[in-house]
Each structure stands twice: as structure tokens, then as C-alpha cells.
């Protein structure tokens, strides 16, 4: 139900992601919900936000957290992981 209600907002939020693509034009998205039909997914990583060891350091262009930080035990740990995986 949430995804149905938020579909138009997510479409708007993600509409300019291509601007973040690298020189190759390639953009990799990691998303926890597969119901975003407007996006094409390369792969999924299932992991706790506090430990995303499957994601290489400095390999992610953008991190979007929706309804996450208010519902986890250790926000600081998640934010450290976000900083670790984001490209400089």
C-alpha cells in the first residue's frame, strides 16, 4: 500500500538520477523494494544497513534512505556504512 501511495513521489525523486551516472553512462541502483517499476535494477544486495560488506568502498553514487533511520537501533553505524560506500 505504501508503494502505491508513494509511486509518484518516488518517480519524481528518482527522475534525475541519470545526472549522477559516470562517464560510461552507467548508473547502478540498489533498492530494497522491487516494486519500483519505473527503475531498472542491475542487482540486489540484501543486507543490514549497519553491515553492507557486499558493497565495495566508494562504489555508490547516491544513497536514498526512506523510512529507515527512524526505525533502526544504530543510526550512526548505518551512516558510517553510507559514507563508506559512497563515491568521494
PDB file of N, CA and C in Angstrom:
ATOM      1  N   UNK A   1       0.823  -1.179   0.000  1.00  0.00           N
ATOM      2  CA  UNK A   1       0.000   0.000   0.000  1.00  0.00           C
ATOM      3  C   UNK A   1       0.880   1.261   0.000  1.00  0.00           C
ATOM      4  N   UNK A   2       1.940   1.237   0.787  1.00  0.00           N
ATOM      5  CA  UNK A   2       2.851   2.383   0.841  1.00  0.00           C
ATOM      6  C   UNK A   2       3.422   2.693  -0.540  1.00  0.00           C
ATOM      7  N   UNK A   3       3.890   1.655  -1.244  1.00  0.00           N
ATOM      8  CA  UNK A   3       4.491   1.870  -2.567  1.00  0.00           C
ATOM      9  C   UNK A   3       3.484   2.449  -3.548  1.00  0.00           C
ATOM     10  N   UNK A   4       2.249   2.031  -3.471  1.00  0.00           N
ATOM     11  CA  UNK A   4       1.215   2.592  -4.345  1.00  0.00           C
ATOM     12  C   UNK A   4       1.027   4.079  -4.047  1.00  0.00           C
ATOM     13  N   UNK A   5       0.987   4.426  -2.777  1.00  0.00           N
ATOM     14  CA  UNK A   5       0.775   5.816  -2.386  1.00  0.00           C
ATOM     15  C   UNK A   5       1.978   6.695  -2.718  1.00  0.00           C
ATOM     16  N   UNK A   6       3.162   6.129  -2.666  1.00  0.00           N
ATOM     17  CA  UNK A   6       4.385   6.910  -2.865  1.00  0.00           C
ATOM     18  C   UNK A   6       4.949   6.836  -4.286  1.00  0.00           C
ATOM     19  N   UNK A   7       4.305   6.097  -5.180  1.00  0.00           N
ATOM     20  CA  UNK A   7       4.846   5.883  -6.525  1.00  0.00           C
ATOM     21  C   UNK A   7       5.161   7.186  -7.243  1.00  0.00           C
ATOM     22  N   UNK A   8       4.253   8.138  -7.235  1.00  0.00           N
ATOM     23  CA  UNK A   8       4.505   9.381  -7.969  1.00  0.00           C
ATOM     24  C   UNK A   8       5.630  10.190  -7.313  1.00  0.00           C
ATOM     25  N   UNK A   9       5.695  10.192  -5.980  1.00  0.00           N
ATOM     26  CA  UNK A   9       6.768  10.916  -5.301  1.00  0.00           C
ATOM     27  C   UNK A   9       8.125  10.264  -5.585  1.00  0.00           C
ATOM     28  N   UNK A  10       8.171   8.924  -5.575  1.00  0.00           N
ATOM     29  CA  UNK A  10       9.429   8.232  -5.884  1.00  0.00           C
ATOM     30  C   UNK A  10       9.834   8.483  -7.330  1.00  0.00           C
ATOM     31  N   UNK A  11       8.866   8.481  -8.245  1.00  0.00           N
ATOM     32  CA  UNK A  11       9.165   8.738  -9.651  1.00  0.00           C
ATOM     33  C   UNK A  11       9.804  10.120  -9.790  1.00  0.00           C
ATOM     34  N   UNK A  12       9.252  11.116  -9.099  1.00  0.00           N
ATOM     35  CA  UNK A  12       9.818  12.465  -9.138  1.00  0.00           C
ATOM     36  C   UNK A  12      11.198  12.502  -8.483  1.00  0.00           C
ATOM     37  N   UNK A  13      11.330  11.868  -7.325  1.00  0.00           N
ATOM     38  CA  UNK A  13      12.597  11.839  -6.608  1.00  0.00           C
ATOM     39  C   UNK A  13      13.706  11.206  -7.440  1.00  0.00           C
ATOM     40  N   UNK A  14      13.392  10.110  -8.128  1.00  0.00           N
ATOM     41  CA  UNK A  14      14.393   9.384  -8.895  1.00  0.00           C
ATOM     42  C   UNK A  14      14.510   9.859 -10.343  1.00  0.00           C
ATOM     43  N   UNK A  15      13.739  10.854 -10.754  1.00  0.00           N
ATOM     44  CA  UNK A  15      13.707  11.273 -12.159  1.00  0.00           C
ATOM     45  C   UNK A  15      15.043  11.816 -12.659  1.00  0.00           C
ATOM     46  N   UNK A  16      15.861  12.388 -11.799  1.00  0.00           N
ATOM     47  CA  UNK A  16      17.122  12.976 -12.250  1.00  0.00           C
ATOM     48  C   UNK A  16      18.341  12.123 -11.908  1.00  0.00           C
ATOM     49  N   UNK A  17      18.151  10.876 -11.554  1.00  0.00           N
ATOM     50  CA  UNK A  17      19.287  10.024 -11.181  1.00  0.00           C
ATOM     51  C   UNK A  17      20.299   9.880 -12.308  1.00  0.00           C
ATOM     52  N   UNK A  18      19.860   9.950 -13.557  1.00  0.00           N
ATOM     53  CA  UNK A  18      20.783   9.776 -14.671  1.00  0.00           C
ATOM     54  C   UNK A  18      21.865  10.855 -14.657  1.00  0.00           C
ATOM     55  N   UNK A  19      21.579  11.986 -14.025  1.00  0.00           N
ATOM     56  CA  UNK A  19      22.582  13.045 -13.899  1.00  0.00           C
ATOM     57  C   UNK A  19      23.786  12.587 -13.082  1.00  0.00           C
ATOM     58  N   UNK A  20      23.614  11.540 -12.266  1.00  0.00           N
ATOM     59  CA  UNK A  20      24.683  11.043 -11.416  1.00  0.00           C
ATOM     60  C   UNK A  20      25.486   9.925 -12.080  1.00  0.00           C
ATOM     61  N   UNK A  21      25.141   9.555 -13.293  1.00  0.00           N
ATOM     62  CA  UNK A  21      25.847   8.478 -13.985  1.00  0.00           C
ATOM     63  C   UNK A  21      27.291   8.876 -14.240  1.00  0.00           C
ATOM     64  N   UNK A  22      28.152   7.887 -14.251  1.00  0.00           N
ATOM     65  CA  UNK A  22      29.561   8.129 -14.519  1.00  0.00           C
ATOM     66  C   UNK A  22      29.815   8.373 -15.988  1.00  0.00           C
ATOM     67  N   UNK A  23      31.076   8.518 -16.374  1.00  0.00           N
ATOM     68  CA  UNK A  23      31.440   8.782 -17.777  1.00  0.00           C
ATOM     69  C   UNK A  23      30.924   7.722 -18.742  1.00  0.00           C
ATOM     70  N   UNK A  24      30.781   6.500 -18.271  1.00  0.00           N
ATOM     71  CA  UNK A  24      30.282   5.427 -19.135  1.00  0.00           C
ATOM     72  C   UNK A  24      28.779   5.537 -19.362  1.00  0.00           C
ATOM     73  N   UNK A  25      28.114   6.384 -18.573  1.00  0.00           N
ATOM     74  CA  UNK A  25      26.661   6.497 -18.666  1.00  0.00           C
ATOM     75  C   UNK A  25      25.941   5.466 -17.828  1.00  0.00           C
ATOM     76  N   UNK A  26      26.716   4.619 -17.147  1.00  0.00           N
ATOM     77  CA  UNK A  26      26.144   3.540 -16.354  1.00  0.00           C
ATOM     78  C   UNK A  26      25.796   4.043 -14.957  1.00  0.00           C
ATOM     79  N   UNK A  27      24.650   3.649 -14.472  1.00  0.00           N
ATOM     80  CA  UNK A  27      24.205   4.014 -13.132  1.00  0.00           C
ATOM     81  C   UNK A  27      23.672   2.764 -12.460  1.00  0.00           C
ATOM     82  N   UNK A  28      24.228   2.418 -11.334  1.00  0.00           N
ATOM     83  CA  UNK A  28      23.807   1.236 -10.594  1.00  0.00           C
ATOM     84  C   UNK A  28      22.955   1.667  -9.418  1.00  0.00           C
ATOM     85  N   UNK A  29      21.801   1.044  -9.274  1.00  0.00           N
ATOM     86  CA  UNK A  29      20.900   1.356  -8.179  1.00  0.00           C
ATOM     87  C   UNK A  29      20.752   0.144  -7.279  1.00  0.00           C
ATOM     88  N   UNK A  30      20.798   0.368  -5.990  1.00  0.00           N
ATOM     89  CA  UNK A  30      20.498  -0.666  -5.014  1.00  0.00           C
ATOM     90  C   UNK A  30      19.230  -0.213  -4.312  1.00  0.00           C
ATOM     91  N   UNK A  31      18.206  -1.033  -4.330  1.00  0.00           N
ATOM     92  CA  UNK A  31      16.914  -0.661  -3.756  1.00  0.00           C
ATOM     93  C   UNK A  31      16.365  -1.865  -3.024  1.00  0.00           C
ATOM     94  N   UNK A  32      15.778  -1.642  -1.877  1.00  0.00           N
ATOM     95  CA  UNK A  32      15.299  -2.756  -1.078  1.00  0.00           C
ATOM     96  C   UNK A  32      13.915  -3.240  -1.480  1.00  0.00           C
ATOM     97  N   UNK A  33      13.192  -2.485  -2.266  1.00  0.00           N
ATOM     98  CA  UNK A  33      11.845  -2.873  -2.670  1.00  0.00           C
ATOM     99  C   UNK A  33      11.799  -2.983  -4.182  1.00  0.00           C
ATOM    100  N   UNK A  34      11.436  -4.145  -4.683  1.00  0.00           N
ATOM    101  CA  UNK A  34      11.452  -4.400  -6.121  1.00  0.00           C
ATOM    102  C   UNK A  34      10.218  -3.888  -6.840  1.00  0.00           C
ATOM    103  N   UNK A  35       9.352  -3.177  -6.178  1.00  0.00           N
ATOM    104  CA  UNK A  35       8.106  -2.749  -6.796  1.00  0.00           C
ATOM    105  C   UNK A  35       8.204  -1.392  -7.483  1.00  0.00           C
ATOM    106  N   UNK A  36       9.382  -0.876  -7.666  1.00  0.00           N
ATOM    107  CA  UNK A  36       9.567   0.399  -8.357  1.00  0.00           C
ATOM    108  C   UNK A  36       9.736   0.124  -9.844  1.00  0.00           C
ATOM    109  N   UNK A  37       8.653  -0.063 -10.523  1.00  0.00           N
ATOM    110  CA  UNK A  37       8.684  -0.470 -11.921  1.00  0.00           C
ATOM    111  C   UNK A  37       9.319   0.577 -12.830  1.00  0.00           C
ATOM    112  N   UNK A  38       9.381   1.826 -12.374  1.00  0.00           N
ATOM    113  CA  UNK A  38       9.972   2.878 -13.192  1.00  0.00           C
ATOM    114  C   UNK A  38      11.494   2.794 -13.224  1.00  0.00           C
ATOM    115  N   UNK A  39      12.086   1.942 -12.371  1.00  0.00           N
ATOM    116  CA  UNK A  39      13.536   1.800 -12.309  1.00  0.00           C
ATOM    117  C   UNK A  39      13.960   0.453 -12.869  1.00  0.00           C
ATOM    118  N   UNK A  40      15.144   0.418 -13.456  1.00  0.00           N
ATOM    119  CA  UNK A  40      15.722  -0.845 -13.901  1.00  0.00           C
ATOM    120  C   UNK A  40      16.827  -1.213 -12.916  1.00  0.00           C
ATOM    121  N   UNK A  41      16.815  -2.455 -12.474  1.00  0.00           N
ATOM    122  CA  UNK A  41      17.762  -2.896 -11.462  1.00  0.00           C
ATOM    123  C   UNK A  41      18.821  -3.795 -12.073  1.00  0.00           C
ATOM    124  N   UNK A  42      20.051  -3.539 -11.706  1.00  0.00           N
ATOM    125  CA  UNK A  42      21.163  -4.370 -12.145  1.00  0.00           C
ATOM    126  C   UNK A  42      21.327  -5.568 -11.230  1.00  0.00           C
ATOM    127  N   UNK A  43      21.243  -5.320  -9.922  1.00  0.00           N
ATOM    128  CA  UNK A  43      21.356  -6.396  -8.940  1.00  0.00           C
ATOM    129  C   UNK A  43      20.783  -5.910  -7.615  1.00  0.00           C
ATOM    130  N   UNK A  44      20.510  -6.841  -6.744  1.00  0.00           N
ATOM    131  CA  UNK A  44      20.019  -6.529  -5.412  1.00  0.00           C
ATOM    132  C   UNK A  44      21.022  -7.018  -4.387  1.00  0.00           C
ATOM    133  N   UNK A  45      21.198  -6.253  -3.346  1.00  0.00           N
ATOM    134  CA  UNK A  45      22.017  -6.665  -2.214  1.00  0.00           C
ATOM    135  C   UNK A  45      21.098  -6.665  -1.012  1.00  0.00           C
ATOM    136  N   UNK A  46      20.986  -7.812  -0.381  1.00  0.00           N
ATOM    137  CA  UNK A  46      20.176  -7.908   0.828  1.00  0.00           C
ATOM    138  C   UNK A  46      21.140  -7.901   2.004  1.00  0.00           C
ATOM    139  N   UNK A  47      21.058  -6.851   2.814  1.00  0.00           N
ATOM    140  CA  UNK A  47      21.993  -6.702   3.920  1.00  0.00           C
ATOM    141  C   UNK A  47      21.405  -5.754   4.946  1.00  0.00           C
ATOM    142  N   UNK A  48      21.876  -5.890   6.153  1.00  0.00           N
ATOM    143  CA  UNK A  48      21.522  -4.913   7.182  1.00  0.00           C
ATOM    144  C   UNK A  48      22.259  -3.620   6.862  1.00  0.00           C
ATOM    145  N   UNK A  49      21.613  -2.497   7.091  1.00  0.00           N
ATOM    146  CA  UNK A  49      22.238  -1.220   6.799  1.00  0.00           C
ATOM    147  C   UNK A  49      23.527  -0.991   7.564  1.00  0.00           C
ATOM    148  N   UNK A  50      23.630  -1.600   8.738  1.00  0.00           N
ATOM    149  CA  UNK A  50      24.827  -1.435   9.556  1.00  0.00           C
ATOM    150  C   UNK A  50      26.032  -2.220   9.037  1.00  0.00           C
ATOM    151  N   UNK A  51      25.799  -3.173   8.145  1.00  0.00           N
ATOM    152  CA  UNK A  51      26.890  -4.006   7.639  1.00  0.00           C
ATOM    153  C   UNK A  51      26.621  -4.367   6.182  1.00  0.00           C
ATOM    154  N   UNK A  52      27.052  -3.508   5.276  1.00  0.00           N
ATOM    155  CA  UNK A  52      26.870  -3.759   3.836  1.00  0.00           C
ATOM    156  C   UNK A  52      28.202  -4.171   3.220  1.00  0.00           C
ATOM    157  N   UNK A  53      28.850  -5.164   3.833  1.00  0.00           N
ATOM    158  CA  UNK A  53      30.183  -5.567   3.385  1.00  0.00           C
ATOM    159  C   UNK A  53      30.195  -6.045   1.938  1.00  0.00           C
ATOM    160  N   UNK A  54      29.031  -6.432   1.392  1.00  0.00           N
ATOM    161  CA  UNK A  54      28.966  -6.881  -0.002  1.00  0.00           C
ATOM    162  C   UNK A  54      29.147  -5.726  -0.984  1.00  0.00           C
ATOM    163  N   UNK A  55      29.005  -4.497  -0.498  1.00  0.00           N
ATOM    164  CA  UNK A  55      29.121  -3.317  -1.349  1.00  0.00           C
ATOM    165  C   UNK A  55      30.534  -2.746  -1.185  1.00  0.00           C
ATOM    166  N   UNK A  56      31.217  -2.580  -2.293  1.00  0.00           N
ATOM    167  CA  UNK A  56      32.604  -2.107  -2.299  1.00  0.00           C
ATOM    168  C   UNK A  56      32.699  -0.656  -1.835  1.00  0.00           C
ATOM    169  N   UNK A  57      33.765  -0.353  -1.127  1.00  0.00           N
ATOM    170  CA  UNK A  57      34.032   1.025  -0.693  1.00  0.00           C
ATOM    171  C   UNK A  57      34.005   1.960  -1.903  1.00  0.00           C
ATOM    172  N   UNK A  58      33.373   3.109  -1.755  1.00  0.00           N
ATOM    173  CA  UNK A  58      33.388   4.136  -2.787  1.00  0.00           C
ATOM    174  C   UNK A  58      32.783   3.729  -4.108  1.00  0.00           C
ATOM    175  N   UNK A  59      31.786   2.837  -4.098  1.00  0.00           N
ATOM    176  CA  UNK A  59      31.231   2.338  -5.355  1.00  0.00           C
ATOM    177  C   UNK A  59      29.818   2.822  -5.655  1.00  0.00           C
ATOM    178  N   UNK A  60      29.237   3.618  -4.773  1.00  0.00           N
ATOM    179  CA  UNK A  60      27.838   4.011  -4.910  1.00  0.00           C
ATOM    180  C   UNK A  60      27.749   5.516  -5.148  1.00  0.00           C
ATOM    181  N   UNK A  61      26.941   5.908  -6.134  1.00  0.00           N
ATOM    182  CA  UNK A  61      26.778   7.324  -6.460  1.00  0.00           C
ATOM    183  C   UNK A  61      25.813   8.038  -5.524  1.00  0.00           C
ATOM    184  N   UNK A  62      24.725   7.381  -5.165  1.00  0.00           N
ATOM    185  CA  UNK A  62      23.660   8.015  -4.387  1.00  0.00           C
ATOM    186  C   UNK A  62      23.090   7.006  -3.407  1.00  0.00           C
ATOM    187  N   UNK A  63      22.806   7.448  -2.197  1.00  0.00           N
ATOM    188  CA  UNK A  63      22.103   6.619  -1.217  1.00  0.00           C
ATOM    189  C   UNK A  63      20.837   7.356  -0.820  1.00  0.00           C
ATOM    190  N   UNK A  64      19.712   6.665  -0.933  1.00  0.00           N
ATOM    191  CA  UNK A  64      18.427   7.233  -0.528  1.00  0.00           C
ATOM    192  C   UNK A  64      17.880   6.357   0.588  1.00  0.00           C
ATOM    193  N   UNK A  65      17.642   6.942   1.740  1.00  0.00           N
ATOM    194  CA  UNK A  65      17.064   6.220   2.880  1.00  0.00           C
ATOM    195  C   UNK A  65      15.645   6.726   3.097  1.00  0.00           C
ATOM    196  N   UNK A  66      14.685   5.851   2.933  1.00  0.00           N
ATOM    197  CA  UNK A  66      13.290   6.215   3.138  1.00  0.00           C
ATOM    198  C   UNK A  66      12.737   5.370   4.267  1.00  0.00           C
ATOM    199  N   UNK A  67      12.280   6.008   5.325  1.00  0.00           N
ATOM    200  CA  UNK A  67      11.724   5.302   6.481  1.00  0.00           C
ATOM    201  C   UNK A  67      12.707   4.300   7.064  1.00  0.00           C
ATOM    202  N   UNK A  68      13.964   4.693   7.151  1.00  0.00           N
ATOM    203  CA  UNK A  68      14.992   3.795   7.663  1.00  0.00           C
ATOM    204  C   UNK A  68      15.545   4.284   8.995  1.00  0.00           C
ATOM    205  N   UNK A  69      16.091   5.471   8.999  1.00  0.00           N
ATOM    206  CA  UNK A  69      16.813   5.947  10.174  1.00  0.00           C
ATOM    207  C   UNK A  69      15.934   6.066  11.417  1.00  0.00           C
ATOM    208  N   UNK A  70      14.641   6.221  11.220  1.00  0.00           N
ATOM    209  CA  UNK A  70      13.738   6.327  12.367  1.00  0.00           C
ATOM    210  C   UNK A  70      13.371   4.955  12.936  1.00  0.00           C
ATOM    211  N   UNK A  71      13.808   3.892  12.276  1.00  0.00           N
ATOM    212  CA  UNK A  71      13.367   2.564  12.709  1.00  0.00           C
ATOM    213  C   UNK A  71      14.510   1.581  12.948  1.00  0.00           C
ATOM    214  N   UNK A  72      15.726   2.086  13.106  1.00  0.00           N
ATOM    215  CA  UNK A  72      16.866   1.201  13.368  1.00  0.00           C
ATOM    216  C   UNK A  72      17.468   1.523  14.725  1.00  0.00           C
ATOM    217  N   UNK A  73      18.249   0.584  15.238  1.00  0.00           N
ATOM    218  CA  UNK A  73      18.853   0.757  16.561  1.00  0.00           C
ATOM    219  C   UNK A  73      20.080   1.651  16.531  1.00  0.00           C
ATOM    220  N   UNK A  74      20.851   1.591  15.439  1.00  0.00           N
ATOM    221  CA  UNK A  74      22.124   2.301  15.435  1.00  0.00           C
ATOM    222  C   UNK A  74      22.263   3.152  14.170  1.00  0.00           C
ATOM    223  N   UNK A  75      21.723   4.366  14.214  1.00  0.00           N
ATOM    224  CA  UNK A  75      21.780   5.262  13.062  1.00  0.00           C
ATOM    225  C   UNK A  75      23.224   5.622  12.700  1.00  0.00           C
ATOM    226  N   UNK A  76      24.064   5.789  13.702  1.00  0.00           N
ATOM    227  CA  UNK A  76      25.457   6.164  13.456  1.00  0.00           C
ATOM    228  C   UNK A  76      26.171   5.101  12.619  1.00  0.00           C
ATOM    229  N   UNK A  77      25.941   3.838  12.931  1.00  0.00           N
ATOM    230  CA  UNK A  77      26.568   2.745  12.187  1.00  0.00           C
ATOM    231  C   UNK A  77      26.115   2.737  10.733  1.00  0.00           C
ATOM    232  N   UNK A  78      24.829   2.951  10.523  1.00  0.00           N
ATOM    233  CA  UNK A  78      24.307   2.985   9.156  1.00  0.00           C
ATOM    234  C   UNK A  78      24.914   4.149   8.388  1.00  0.00           C
ATOM    235  N   UNK A  79      24.982   5.303   9.007  1.00  0.00           N
ATOM    236  CA  UNK A  79      25.548   6.469   8.323  1.00  0.00           C
ATOM    237  C   UNK A  79      27.031   6.279   8.014  1.00  0.00           C
ATOM    238  N   UNK A  80      27.755   5.569   8.877  1.00  0.00           N
ATOM    239  CA  UNK A  80      29.167   5.243   8.579  1.00  0.00           C
ATOM    240  C   UNK A  80      29.249   4.351   7.340  1.00  0.00           C
ATOM    241  N   UNK A  81      28.349   3.372   7.243  1.00  0.00           N
ATOM    242  CA  UNK A  81      28.330   2.490   6.074  1.00  0.00           C
ATOM    243  C   UNK A  81      27.975   3.273   4.810  1.00  0.00           C
ATOM    244  N   UNK A  82      27.029   4.180   4.934  1.00  0.00           N
ATOM    245  CA  UNK A  82      26.659   5.019   3.788  1.00  0.00           C
ATOM    246  C   UNK A  82      27.870   5.808   3.322  1.00  0.00           C
ATOM    247  N   UNK A  83      28.585   6.430   4.235  1.00  0.00           N
ATOM    248  CA  UNK A  83      29.785   7.193   3.881  1.00  0.00           C
ATOM    249  C   UNK A  83      30.837   6.298   3.266  1.00  0.00           C
ATOM    250  N   UNK A  84      30.967   5.087   3.762  1.00  0.00           N
ATOM    251  CA  UNK A  84      31.973   4.149   3.235  1.00  0.00           C
ATOM    252  C   UNK A  84      31.683   3.758   1.798  1.00  0.00           C
ATOM    253  N   UNK A  85      30.423   3.499   1.465  1.00  0.00           N
ATOM    254  CA  UNK A  85      30.112   3.005   0.122  1.00  0.00           C
ATOM    255  C   UNK A  85      29.959   4.116  -0.903  1.00  0.00           C
ATOM    256  N   UNK A  86      29.714   5.357  -0.448  1.00  0.00           N
ATOM    257  CA  UNK A  86      29.574   6.475  -1.387  1.00  0.00           C
ATOM    258  C   UNK A  86      30.894   6.799  -2.058  1.00  0.00           C
ATOM    259  N   UNK A  87      30.793   7.149  -3.343  1.00  0.00           N
ATOM    260  CA  UNK A  87      31.974   7.617  -4.061  1.00  0.00           C
ATOM    261  C   UNK A  87      32.401   8.959  -3.464  1.00  0.00           C
ATOM    262  N   UNK A  88      33.721   9.213  -3.476  1.00  0.00           N
ATOM    263  CA  UNK A  88      34.214  10.509  -2.939  1.00  0.00           C
ATOM    264  C   UNK A  88      33.648  11.689  -3.725  1.00  0.00           C
TER     265      UNK A  88
END
